Amino acid sequence: MGKAIALLEVQSLVAAIAGLDAMLKDAEVRLIHTERHLGGRMVTMVIDGTVSAVTDAVLAGRAAAEKVGKVKVCEVIPNPHPEIKKFLYTDQKETE
């Protein structure tokens, strides 16, 4: 099964927490990277896992985040290029 990453960018910390909670509960994925901009008013979360798990999780995260805030980006990248992985896996090693 192929690996994938997904990005969910939301406008507010509350929406980010709601979205992340839904993603982690919905499928076998893990949080690999976060970015906060504008004092936490824009939050981007990146998860990884299998393509199907990441797709399911990010859809659940988007739905949960939309209930309490605004979703800016929701994107799945199947089989990301190794250079993208180097950029995202900054604090921890990628697990195969």
PDB file of N, CA and C in Angstrom:
ATOM      1  N   MET A   1       0.832  -1.185   0.000  1.00  0.00           N
ATOM      2  CA  MET A   1       0.000   0.000   0.000  1.00  0.00           C
ATOM      3  C   MET A   1       0.872   1.242   0.000  1.00  0.00           C
ATOM      4  N   GLY A   2       0.504   2.256  -0.808  1.00  0.00           N
ATOM      5  CA  GLY A   2       1.293   3.468  -0.908  1.00  0.00           C
ATOM      6  C   GLY A   2       1.099   4.388   0.279  1.00  0.00           C
ATOM      7  N   LYS A   3       2.116   5.194   0.507  1.00  0.00           N
ATOM      8  CA  LYS A   3       2.052   6.193   1.570  1.00  0.00           C
ATOM      9  C   LYS A   3       1.550   7.507   0.985  1.00  0.00           C
ATOM     10  N   ALA A   4       1.003   8.337   1.841  1.00  0.00           N
ATOM     11  CA  ALA A   4       0.509   9.644   1.415  1.00  0.00           C
ATOM     12  C   ALA A   4       0.652  10.626   2.567  1.00  0.00           C
ATOM     13  N   ILE A   5       0.598  11.898   2.211  1.00  0.00           N
ATOM     14  CA  ILE A   5       0.497  12.955   3.210  1.00  0.00           C
ATOM     15  C   ILE A   5      -0.735  13.774   2.858  1.00  0.00           C
ATOM     16  N   ALA A   6      -1.278  14.451   3.838  1.00  0.00           N
ATOM     17  CA  ALA A   6      -2.404  15.352   3.608  1.00  0.00           C
ATOM     18  C   ALA A   6      -2.170  16.624   4.386  1.00  0.00           C
ATOM     19  N   LEU A   7      -2.589  17.727   3.810  1.00  0.00           N
ATOM     20  CA  LEU A   7      -2.487  19.031   4.448  1.00  0.00           C
ATOM     21  C   LEU A   7      -3.888  19.568   4.700  1.00  0.00           C
ATOM     22  N   LEU A   8      -4.098  20.054   5.900  1.00  0.00           N
ATOM     23  CA  LEU A   8      -5.352  20.716   6.252  1.00  0.00           C
ATOM     24  C   LEU A   8      -4.982  22.059   6.851  1.00  0.00           C
ATOM     25  N   GLU A   9      -5.345  23.129   6.149  1.00  0.00           N
ATOM     26  CA  GLU A   9      -5.055  24.479   6.623  1.00  0.00           C
ATOM     27  C   GLU A   9      -6.364  25.158   6.984  1.00  0.00           C
ATOM     28  N   VAL A  10      -6.409  25.674   8.203  1.00  0.00           N
ATOM     29  CA  VAL A  10      -7.634  26.276   8.712  1.00  0.00           C
ATOM     30  C   VAL A  10      -7.358  27.655   9.280  1.00  0.00           C
ATOM     31  N   GLN A  11      -8.422  28.412   9.415  1.00  0.00           N
ATOM     32  CA  GLN A  11      -8.314  29.768   9.923  1.00  0.00           C
ATOM     33  C   GLN A  11      -8.836  29.806  11.356  1.00  0.00           C
ATOM     34  N   SER A  12      -8.025  29.416  12.305  1.00  0.00           N
ATOM     35  CA  SER A  12      -8.234  29.526  13.747  1.00  0.00           C
ATOM     36  C   SER A  12      -7.676  28.285  14.438  1.00  0.00           C
ATOM     37  N   LEU A  13      -7.187  28.514  15.624  1.00  0.00           N
ATOM     38  CA  LEU A  13      -6.631  27.418  16.407  1.00  0.00           C
ATOM     39  C   LEU A  13      -7.709  26.428  16.824  1.00  0.00           C
ATOM     40  N   VAL A  14      -8.891  26.922  17.136  1.00  0.00           N
ATOM     41  CA  VAL A  14      -9.998  26.042  17.535  1.00  0.00           C
ATOM     42  C   VAL A  14     -10.367  25.101  16.396  1.00  0.00           C
ATOM     43  N   ALA A  15     -10.462  25.621  15.177  1.00  0.00           N
ATOM     44  CA  ALA A  15     -10.759  24.775  14.017  1.00  0.00           C
ATOM     45  C   ALA A  15      -9.643  23.759  13.793  1.00  0.00           C
ATOM     46  N   ALA A  16      -8.405  24.161  14.030  1.00  0.00           N
ATOM     47  CA  ALA A  16      -7.279  23.244  13.865  1.00  0.00           C
ATOM     48  C   ALA A  16      -7.370  22.081  14.851  1.00  0.00           C
ATOM     49  N   ILE A  17      -7.682  22.380  16.085  1.00  0.00           N
ATOM     50  CA  ILE A  17      -7.774  21.325  17.099  1.00  0.00           C
ATOM     51  C   ILE A  17      -8.943  20.397  16.790  1.00  0.00           C
ATOM     52  N   ALA A  18     -10.075  20.965  16.405  1.00  0.00           N
ATOM     53  CA  ALA A  18     -11.232  20.131  16.056  1.00  0.00           C
ATOM     54  C   ALA A  18     -10.917  19.251  14.848  1.00  0.00           C
ATOM     55  N   GLY A  19     -10.287  19.814  13.836  1.00  0.00           N
ATOM     56  CA  GLY A  19      -9.935  19.054  12.646  1.00  0.00           C
ATOM     57  C   GLY A  19      -8.916  17.964  12.928  1.00  0.00           C
ATOM     58  N   LEU A  20      -7.895  18.295  13.699  1.00  0.00           N
ATOM     59  CA  LEU A  20      -6.871  17.310  14.027  1.00  0.00           C
ATOM     60  C   LEU A  20      -7.442  16.163  14.859  1.00  0.00           C
ATOM     61  N   ASP A  21      -8.280  16.486  15.817  1.00  0.00           N
ATOM     62  CA  ASP A  21      -8.909  15.455  16.635  1.00  0.00           C
ATOM     63  C   ASP A  21      -9.701  14.488  15.761  1.00  0.00           C
ATOM     64  N   ALA A  22     -10.474  15.033  14.837  1.00  0.00           N
ATOM     65  CA  ALA A  22     -11.271  14.182  13.940  1.00  0.00           C
ATOM     66  C   ALA A  22     -10.378  13.321  13.048  1.00  0.00           C
ATOM     67  N   MET A  23      -9.306  13.911  12.526  1.00  0.00           N
ATOM     68  CA  MET A  23      -8.408  13.138  11.653  1.00  0.00           C
ATOM     69  C   MET A  23      -7.776  11.965  12.387  1.00  0.00           C
ATOM     70  N   LEU A  24      -7.290  12.230  13.583  1.00  0.00           N
ATOM     71  CA  LEU A  24      -6.594  11.182  14.333  1.00  0.00           C
ATOM     72  C   LEU A  24      -7.541  10.095  14.817  1.00  0.00           C
ATOM     73  N   LYS A  25      -8.786  10.449  15.082  1.00  0.00           N
ATOM     74  CA  LYS A  25      -9.773   9.462  15.524  1.00  0.00           C
ATOM     75  C   LYS A  25     -10.358   8.659  14.371  1.00  0.00           C
ATOM     76  N   ASP A  26     -10.377   9.237  13.174  1.00  0.00           N
ATOM     77  CA  ASP A  26     -11.041   8.609  12.036  1.00  0.00           C
ATOM     78  C   ASP A  26     -10.234   7.491  11.394  1.00  0.00           C
ATOM     79  N   ALA A  27      -8.925   7.623  11.358  1.00  0.00           N
ATOM     80  CA  ALA A  27      -8.111   6.648  10.617  1.00  0.00           C
ATOM     81  C   ALA A  27      -6.739   6.508  11.248  1.00  0.00           C
ATOM     82  N   GLU A  28      -6.018   5.517  10.807  1.00  0.00           N
ATOM     83  CA  GLU A  28      -4.664   5.229  11.303  1.00  0.00           C
ATOM     84  C   GLU A  28      -3.672   6.165  10.613  1.00  0.00           C
ATOM     85  N   VAL A  29      -3.591   7.400  11.135  1.00  0.00           N
ATOM     86  CA  VAL A  29      -2.681   8.415  10.610  1.00  0.00           C
ATOM     87  C   VAL A  29      -1.924   9.028  11.782  1.00  0.00           C
ATOM     88  N   ARG A  30      -0.897   9.807  11.458  1.00  0.00           N
ATOM     89  CA  ARG A  30      -0.173  10.501  12.524  1.00  0.00           C
ATOM     90  C   ARG A  30       0.185  11.903  12.075  1.00  0.00           C
ATOM     91  N   LEU A  31       0.224  12.799  13.018  1.00  0.00           N
ATOM     92  CA  LEU A  31       0.607  14.183  12.767  1.00  0.00           C
ATOM     93  C   LEU A  31       2.115  14.237  12.593  1.00  0.00           C
ATOM     94  N   ILE A  32       2.589  14.821  11.493  1.00  0.00           N
ATOM     95  CA  ILE A  32       4.034  14.896  11.274  1.00  0.00           C
ATOM     96  C   ILE A  32       4.570  16.320  11.266  1.00  0.00           C
ATOM     97  N   HIS A  33       3.682  17.303  11.062  1.00  0.00           N
ATOM     98  CA  HIS A  33       4.184  18.674  10.953  1.00  0.00           C
ATOM     99  C   HIS A  33       3.043  19.661  11.183  1.00  0.00           C
ATOM    100  N   THR A  34       3.347  20.775  11.813  1.00  0.00           N
ATOM    101  CA  THR A  34       2.379  21.860  11.953  1.00  0.00           C
ATOM    102  C   THR A  34       3.068  23.181  11.660  1.00  0.00           C
ATOM    103  N   GLU A  35       2.300  24.113  11.189  1.00  0.00           N
ATOM    104  CA  GLU A  35       2.768  25.483  10.955  1.00  0.00           C
ATOM    105  C   GLU A  35       1.691  26.411  11.490  1.00  0.00           C
ATOM    106  N   ARG A  36       2.104  27.425  12.239  1.00  0.00           N
ATOM    107  CA  ARG A  36       1.156  28.445  12.696  1.00  0.00           C
ATOM    108  C   ARG A  36       1.638  29.792  12.187  1.00  0.00           C
ATOM    109  N   HIS A  37       0.710  30.531  11.613  1.00  0.00           N
ATOM    110  CA  HIS A  37       1.029  31.856  11.079  1.00  0.00           C
ATOM    111  C   HIS A  37       0.023  32.860  11.611  1.00  0.00           C
ATOM    112  N   LEU A  38       0.405  34.109  11.547  1.00  0.00           N
ATOM    113  CA  LEU A  38      -0.470  35.202  11.974  1.00  0.00           C
ATOM    114  C   LEU A  38      -0.937  35.024  13.411  1.00  0.00           C
ATOM    115  N   GLY A  39      -0.013  34.660  14.276  1.00  0.00           N
ATOM    116  CA  GLY A  39      -0.339  34.502  15.690  1.00  0.00           C
ATOM    117  C   GLY A  39      -1.280  33.354  15.982  1.00  0.00           C
ATOM    118  N   GLY A  40      -1.281  32.331  15.139  1.00  0.00           N
ATOM    119  CA  GLY A  40      -2.152  31.178  15.338  1.00  0.00           C
ATOM    120  C   GLY A  40      -3.485  31.293  14.624  1.00  0.00           C
ATOM    121  N   ARG A  41      -3.675  32.398  13.887  1.00  0.00           N
ATOM    122  CA  ARG A  41      -4.942  32.545  13.161  1.00  0.00           C
ATOM    123  C   ARG A  41      -4.993  31.676  11.911  1.00  0.00           C
ATOM    124  N   MET A  42      -3.844  31.246  11.409  1.00  0.00           N
ATOM    125  CA  MET A  42      -3.771  30.304  10.288  1.00  0.00           C
ATOM    126  C   MET A  42      -2.923  29.125  10.760  1.00  0.00           C
ATOM    127  N   VAL A  43      -3.489  27.947  10.699  1.00  0.00           N
ATOM    128  CA  VAL A  43      -2.788  26.754  11.158  1.00  0.00           C
ATOM    129  C   VAL A  43      -2.832  25.706  10.045  1.00  0.00           C
ATOM    130  N   THR A  44      -1.669  25.152   9.731  1.00  0.00           N
ATOM    131  CA  THR A  44      -1.582  24.070   8.752  1.00  0.00           C
ATOM    132  C   THR A  44      -1.095  22.830   9.472  1.00  0.00           C
ATOM    133  N   MET A  45      -1.794  21.724   9.264  1.00  0.00           N
ATOM    134  CA  MET A  45      -1.411  20.441   9.853  1.00  0.00           C
ATOM    135  C   MET A  45      -1.133  19.466   8.724  1.00  0.00           C
ATOM    136  N   VAL A  46      -0.113  18.642   8.904  1.00  0.00           N
ATOM    137  CA  VAL A  46       0.236  17.629   7.905  1.00  0.00           C
ATOM    138  C   VAL A  46       0.203  16.270   8.595  1.00  0.00           C
ATOM    139  N   ILE A  47      -0.513  15.334   7.991  1.00  0.00           N
ATOM    140  CA  ILE A  47      -0.592  13.973   8.517  1.00  0.00           C
ATOM    141  C   ILE A  47      -0.023  13.007   7.484  1.00  0.00           C
ATOM    142  N   ASP A  48       0.331  11.818   7.937  1.00  0.00           N
ATOM    143  CA  ASP A  48       0.747  10.790   6.985  1.00  0.00           C
ATOM    144  C   ASP A  48       0.138   9.453   7.350  1.00  0.00           C
ATOM    145  N   GLY A  49       0.197   8.543   6.396  1.00  0.00           N
ATOM    146  CA  GLY A  49      -0.351   7.200   6.539  1.00  0.00           C
ATOM    147  C   GLY A  49      -0.543   6.608   5.162  1.00  0.00           C
ATOM    148  N   THR A  50      -1.352   5.590   5.057  1.00  0.00           N
ATOM    149  CA  THR A  50      -1.648   5.028   3.745  1.00  0.00           C
ATOM    150  C   THR A  50      -2.554   5.997   2.987  1.00  0.00           C
ATOM    151  N   VAL A  51      -2.605   5.841   1.680  1.00  0.00           N
ATOM    152  CA  VAL A  51      -3.417   6.746   0.867  1.00  0.00           C
ATOM    153  C   VAL A  51      -4.874   6.730   1.319  1.00  0.00           C
ATOM    154  N   SER A  52      -5.427   5.555   1.523  1.00  0.00           N
ATOM    155  CA  SER A  52      -6.840   5.480   1.917  1.00  0.00           C
ATOM    156  C   SER A  52      -7.071   6.055   3.312  1.00  0.00           C
ATOM    157  N   ALA A  53      -6.183   5.786   4.245  1.00  0.00           N
ATOM    158  CA  ALA A  53      -6.345   6.312   5.604  1.00  0.00           C
ATOM    159  C   ALA A  53      -6.233   7.832   5.627  1.00  0.00           C
ATOM    160  N   VAL A  54      -5.256   8.359   4.911  1.00  0.00           N
ATOM    161  CA  VAL A  54      -5.056   9.816   4.867  1.00  0.00           C
ATOM    162  C   VAL A  54      -6.251  10.500   4.207  1.00  0.00           C
ATOM    163  N   THR A  55      -6.754   9.914   3.133  1.00  0.00           N
ATOM    164  CA  THR A  55      -7.914  10.491   2.444  1.00  0.00           C
ATOM    165  C   THR A  55      -9.130  10.522   3.358  1.00  0.00           C
ATOM    166  N   ASP A  56      -9.410   9.408   4.014  1.00  0.00           N
ATOM    167  CA  ASP A  56     -10.543   9.357   4.940  1.00  0.00           C
ATOM    168  C   ASP A  56     -10.366  10.356   6.084  1.00  0.00           C
ATOM    169  N   ALA A  57      -9.164  10.395   6.645  1.00  0.00           N
ATOM    170  CA  ALA A  57      -8.906  11.257   7.798  1.00  0.00           C
ATOM    171  C   ALA A  57      -9.050  12.730   7.452  1.00  0.00           C
ATOM    172  N   VAL A  58      -8.501  13.150   6.319  1.00  0.00           N
ATOM    173  CA  VAL A  58      -8.545  14.572   5.988  1.00  0.00           C
ATOM    174  C   VAL A  58      -9.974  15.016   5.658  1.00  0.00           C
ATOM    175  N   LEU A  59     -10.779  14.139   5.099  1.00  0.00           N
ATOM    176  CA  LEU A  59     -12.189  14.488   4.863  1.00  0.00           C
ATOM    177  C   LEU A  59     -12.935  14.653   6.186  1.00  0.00           C
ATOM    178  N   ALA A  60     -12.657  13.780   7.143  1.00  0.00           N
ATOM    179  CA  ALA A  60     -13.268  13.908   8.464  1.00  0.00           C
ATOM    180  C   ALA A  60     -12.778  15.173   9.164  1.00  0.00           C
ATOM    181  N   GLY A  61     -11.493  15.470   9.033  1.00  0.00           N
ATOM    182  CA  GLY A  61     -10.932  16.673   9.633  1.00  0.00           C
ATOM    183  C   GLY A  61     -11.522  17.939   9.047  1.00  0.00           C
ATOM    184  N   ARG A  62     -11.693  17.933   7.733  1.00  0.00           N
ATOM    185  CA  ARG A  62     -12.286  19.092   7.073  1.00  0.00           C
ATOM    186  C   ARG A  62     -13.718  19.336   7.570  1.00  0.00           C
ATOM    187  N   ALA A  63     -14.499  18.277   7.650  1.00  0.00           N
ATOM    188  CA  ALA A  63     -15.887  18.401   8.099  1.00  0.00           C
ATOM    189  C   ALA A  63     -15.949  18.947   9.523  1.00  0.00           C
ATOM    190  N   ALA A  64     -15.092  18.437  10.399  1.00  0.00           N
ATOM    191  CA  ALA A  64     -15.090  18.897  11.789  1.00  0.00           C
ATOM    192  C   ALA A  64     -14.628  20.351  11.893  1.00  0.00           C
ATOM    193  N   ALA A  65     -13.595  20.707  11.145  1.00  0.00           N
ATOM    194  CA  ALA A  65     -13.068  22.072  11.205  1.00  0.00           C
ATOM    195  C   ALA A  65     -14.067  23.082  10.653  1.00  0.00           C
ATOM    196  N   GLU A  66     -14.808  22.695   9.609  1.00  0.00           N
ATOM    197  CA  GLU A  66     -15.793  23.607   9.020  1.00  0.00           C
ATOM    198  C   GLU A  66     -16.940  23.944   9.973  1.00  0.00           C
ATOM    199  N   LYS A  67     -17.166  23.100  10.960  1.00  0.00           N
ATOM    200  CA  LYS A  67     -18.232  23.363  11.936  1.00  0.00           C
ATOM    201  C   LYS A  67     -17.891  24.533  12.858  1.00  0.00           C
ATOM    202  N   VAL A  68     -16.588  24.788  13.068  1.00  0.00           N
ATOM    203  CA  VAL A  68     -16.184  25.823  14.023  1.00  0.00           C
ATOM    204  C   VAL A  68     -15.298  26.907  13.424  1.00  0.00           C
ATOM    205  N   GLY A  69     -14.938  26.784  12.151  1.00  0.00           N
ATOM    206  CA  GLY A  69     -14.058  27.765  11.533  1.00  0.00           C
ATOM    207  C   GLY A  69     -14.053  27.627  10.022  1.00  0.00           C
ATOM    208  N   LYS A  70     -13.074  28.242   9.414  1.00  0.00           N
ATOM    209  CA  LYS A  70     -12.983  28.250   7.952  1.00  0.00           C
ATOM    210  C   LYS A  70     -11.795  27.402   7.498  1.00  0.00           C
ATOM    211  N   VAL A  71     -12.044  26.498   6.564  1.00  0.00           N
ATOM    212  CA  VAL A  71     -10.992  25.666   5.981  1.00  0.00           C
ATOM    213  C   VAL A  71     -10.469  26.375   4.745  1.00  0.00           C
ATOM    214  N   LYS A  72      -9.147  26.558   4.673  1.00  0.00           N
ATOM    215  CA  LYS A  72      -8.525  27.212   3.534  1.00  0.00           C
ATOM    216  C   LYS A  72      -8.028  26.196   2.508  1.00  0.00           C
ATOM    217  N   VAL A  73      -7.390  25.124   2.971  1.00  0.00           N
ATOM    218  CA  VAL A  73      -6.810  24.124   2.073  1.00  0.00           C
ATOM    219  C   VAL A  73      -7.026  22.735   2.656  1.00  0.00           C
ATOM    220  N   CYS A  74      -7.362  21.811   1.788  1.00  0.00           N
ATOM    221  CA  CYS A  74      -7.497  20.403   2.151  1.00  0.00           C
ATOM    222  C   CYS A  74      -6.955  19.615   0.969  1.00  0.00           C
ATOM    223  N   GLU A  75      -5.797  19.010   1.118  1.00  0.00           N
ATOM    224  CA  GLU A  75      -5.133  18.385  -0.026  1.00  0.00           C
ATOM    225  C   GLU A  75      -4.451  17.079   0.370  1.00  0.00           C
ATOM    226  N   VAL A  76      -4.601  16.061  -0.454  1.00  0.00           N
ATOM    227  CA  VAL A  76      -3.916  14.776  -0.272  1.00  0.00           C
ATOM    228  C   VAL A  76      -2.852  14.656  -1.348  1.00  0.00           C
ATOM    229  N   ILE A  77      -1.651  14.260  -0.940  1.00  0.00           N
ATOM    230  CA  ILE A  77      -0.552  14.035  -1.879  1.00  0.00           C
ATOM    231  C   ILE A  77      -0.123  12.577  -1.755  1.00  0.00           C
ATOM    232  N   PRO A  78      -0.565  11.726  -2.698  1.00  0.00           N
ATOM    233  CA  PRO A  78      -0.148  10.326  -2.648  1.00  0.00           C
ATOM    234  C   PRO A  78       1.297  10.171  -3.108  1.00  0.00           C
ATOM    235  N   ASN A  79       2.021   9.290  -2.463  1.00  0.00           N
ATOM    236  CA  ASN A  79       3.417   8.997  -2.811  1.00  0.00           C
ATOM    237  C   ASN A  79       4.248  10.260  -3.021  1.00  0.00           C
ATOM    238  N   PRO A  80       4.388  11.076  -1.970  1.00  0.00           N
ATOM    239  CA  PRO A  80       5.114  12.334  -2.124  1.00  0.00           C
ATOM    240  C   PRO A  80       6.575  12.112  -2.489  1.00  0.00           C
ATOM    241  N   HIS A  81       7.123  13.057  -3.224  1.00  0.00           N
ATOM    242  CA  HIS A  81       8.524  13.022  -3.640  1.00  0.00           C
ATOM    243  C   HIS A  81       9.423  13.040  -2.392  1.00  0.00           C
ATOM    244  N   PRO A  82      10.577  12.363  -2.434  1.00  0.00           N
ATOM    245  CA  PRO A  82      11.478  12.346  -1.270  1.00  0.00           C
ATOM    246  C   PRO A  82      11.914  13.730  -0.784  1.00  0.00           C
ATOM    247  N   GLU A  83      12.023  14.695  -1.666  1.00  0.00           N
ATOM    248  CA  GLU A  83      12.413  16.046  -1.238  1.00  0.00           C
ATOM    249  C   GLU A  83      11.323  16.695  -0.384  1.00  0.00           C
ATOM    250  N   ILE A  84      10.076  16.415  -0.675  1.00  0.00           N
ATOM    251  CA  ILE A  84       8.977  16.925   0.144  1.00  0.00           C
ATOM    252  C   ILE A  84       9.055  16.306   1.528  1.00  0.00           C
ATOM    253  N   LYS A  85       9.373  15.019   1.577  1.00  0.00           N
ATOM    254  CA  LYS A  85       9.493  14.338   2.873  1.00  0.00           C
ATOM    255  C   LYS A  85      10.592  14.974   3.718  1.00  0.00           C
ATOM    256  N   LYS A  86      11.715  15.350   3.103  1.00  0.00           N
ATOM    257  CA  LYS A  86      12.804  15.993   3.851  1.00  0.00           C
ATOM    258  C   LYS A  86      12.335  17.303   4.478  1.00  0.00           C
ATOM    259  N   PHE A  87      11.490  18.019   3.788  1.00  0.00           N
ATOM    260  CA  PHE A  87      10.975  19.289   4.269  1.00  0.00           C
ATOM    261  C   PHE A  87      10.018  19.107   5.437  1.00  0.00           C
ATOM    262  N   LEU A  88       9.190  18.074   5.376  1.00  0.00           N
ATOM    263  CA  LEU A  88       8.136  17.885   6.378  1.00  0.00           C
ATOM    264  C   LEU A  88       8.577  17.126   7.621  1.00  0.00           C
ATOM    265  N   TYR A  89       9.423  16.131   7.455  1.00  0.00           N
ATOM    266  CA  TYR A  89       9.832  15.308   8.591  1.00  0.00           C
ATOM    267  C   TYR A  89      11.040  15.950   9.263  1.00  0.00           C
ATOM    268  N   THR A  90      10.838  17.110   9.879  1.00  0.00           N
ATOM    269  CA  THR A  90      11.936  17.849  10.468  1.00  0.00           C
ATOM    270  C   THR A  90      12.250  17.412  11.900  1.00  0.00           C
ATOM    271  N   ASP A  91      11.238  17.073  12.671  1.00  0.00           N
ATOM    272  CA  ASP A  91      11.441  16.737  14.081  1.00  0.00           C
ATOM    273  C   ASP A  91      11.513  15.256  14.354  1.00  0.00           C
ATOM    274  N   GLN A  92      11.122  14.452  13.416  1.00  0.00           N
ATOM    275  CA  GLN A  92      11.091  13.015  13.633  1.00  0.00           C
ATOM    276  C   GLN A  92      11.405  12.310  12.329  1.00  0.00           C
ATOM    277  N   LYS A  93      11.821  11.085  12.439  1.00  0.00           N
ATOM    278  CA  LYS A  93      12.142  10.317  11.252  1.00  0.00           C
ATOM    279  C   LYS A  93      10.885   9.705  10.665  1.00  0.00           C
ATOM    280  N   GLU A  94      10.919   9.594   9.350  1.00  0.00           N
ATOM    281  CA  GLU A  94       9.805   8.944   8.660  1.00  0.00           C
ATOM    282  C   GLU A  94       9.859   7.449   8.952  1.00  0.00           C
ATOM    283  N   THR A  95       8.700   6.869   9.176  1.00  0.00           N
ATOM    284  CA  THR A  95       8.631   5.418   9.343  1.00  0.00           C
ATOM    285  C   THR A  95       8.062   4.826   8.084  1.00  0.00           C
ATOM    286  N   GLU A  96       8.662   3.790   7.634  1.00  0.00           N
ATOM    287  CA  GLU A  96       8.216   3.131   6.401  1.00  0.00           C
ATOM    288  C   GLU A  96       7.052   2.227   6.660  1.00  0.00           C
TER     289      GLU A  96
END
